[in-house]
Amino acid sequence: MLKNLPPILTPDLLHALASMGHGDEVALVDAHFPASRVAQQGLNRLVRLPGLSATAVLEAVLQVLPLDDSASACAWTMQVMGDAHRVPDAVAQFQSVLKRQGMSEVATLERFAFYEQAKAAYVVVQTGDERTYANILLRKGLVVHG
């Protein structure tokens, strides 16, 4: 047991996040997402967190993972099919969480472009979230001291 870490960050997930380098990405995905196939095709790690919402996992991950603020975008959600302007509940919650972290904008990717970018992620984290579009990609930044 470790102190000051969200208990939902499992040893497997913590190891994956700590092993990531600057510019590596993590895909936090919902229960509907083809996580096994995407992870297998991308030859990347798969960590499952059943029973947890993607929003709760995002909040926990952001407590330990710095985001890449040197790029124009460091977080992407999946664009809603048929209505690119609709903001699903999960995405609105992601935006709120990221805004509290000082990030003002979240980019979107078309569904199949999101799948392709997730294949390149260092780790795919499948949550138990049953909401549609509860998927987000994050690019790791640097921990800057002093």
Foldseek 3Di string as FASTA:
>chain_A
DDPPAPPLCDPVNVVLLVPDDAFAKEKEAEPVDPQVVLCVLLVAAEAEAEPDALLVVLLRSCVPFAFAPVDPAFKEFEADPPCRPDQDPLNVSVCVSVVVVVDNDYHYDYPVVVSVVNSRHNYYYYYHHPGPRNMMMGGGHDDDDD
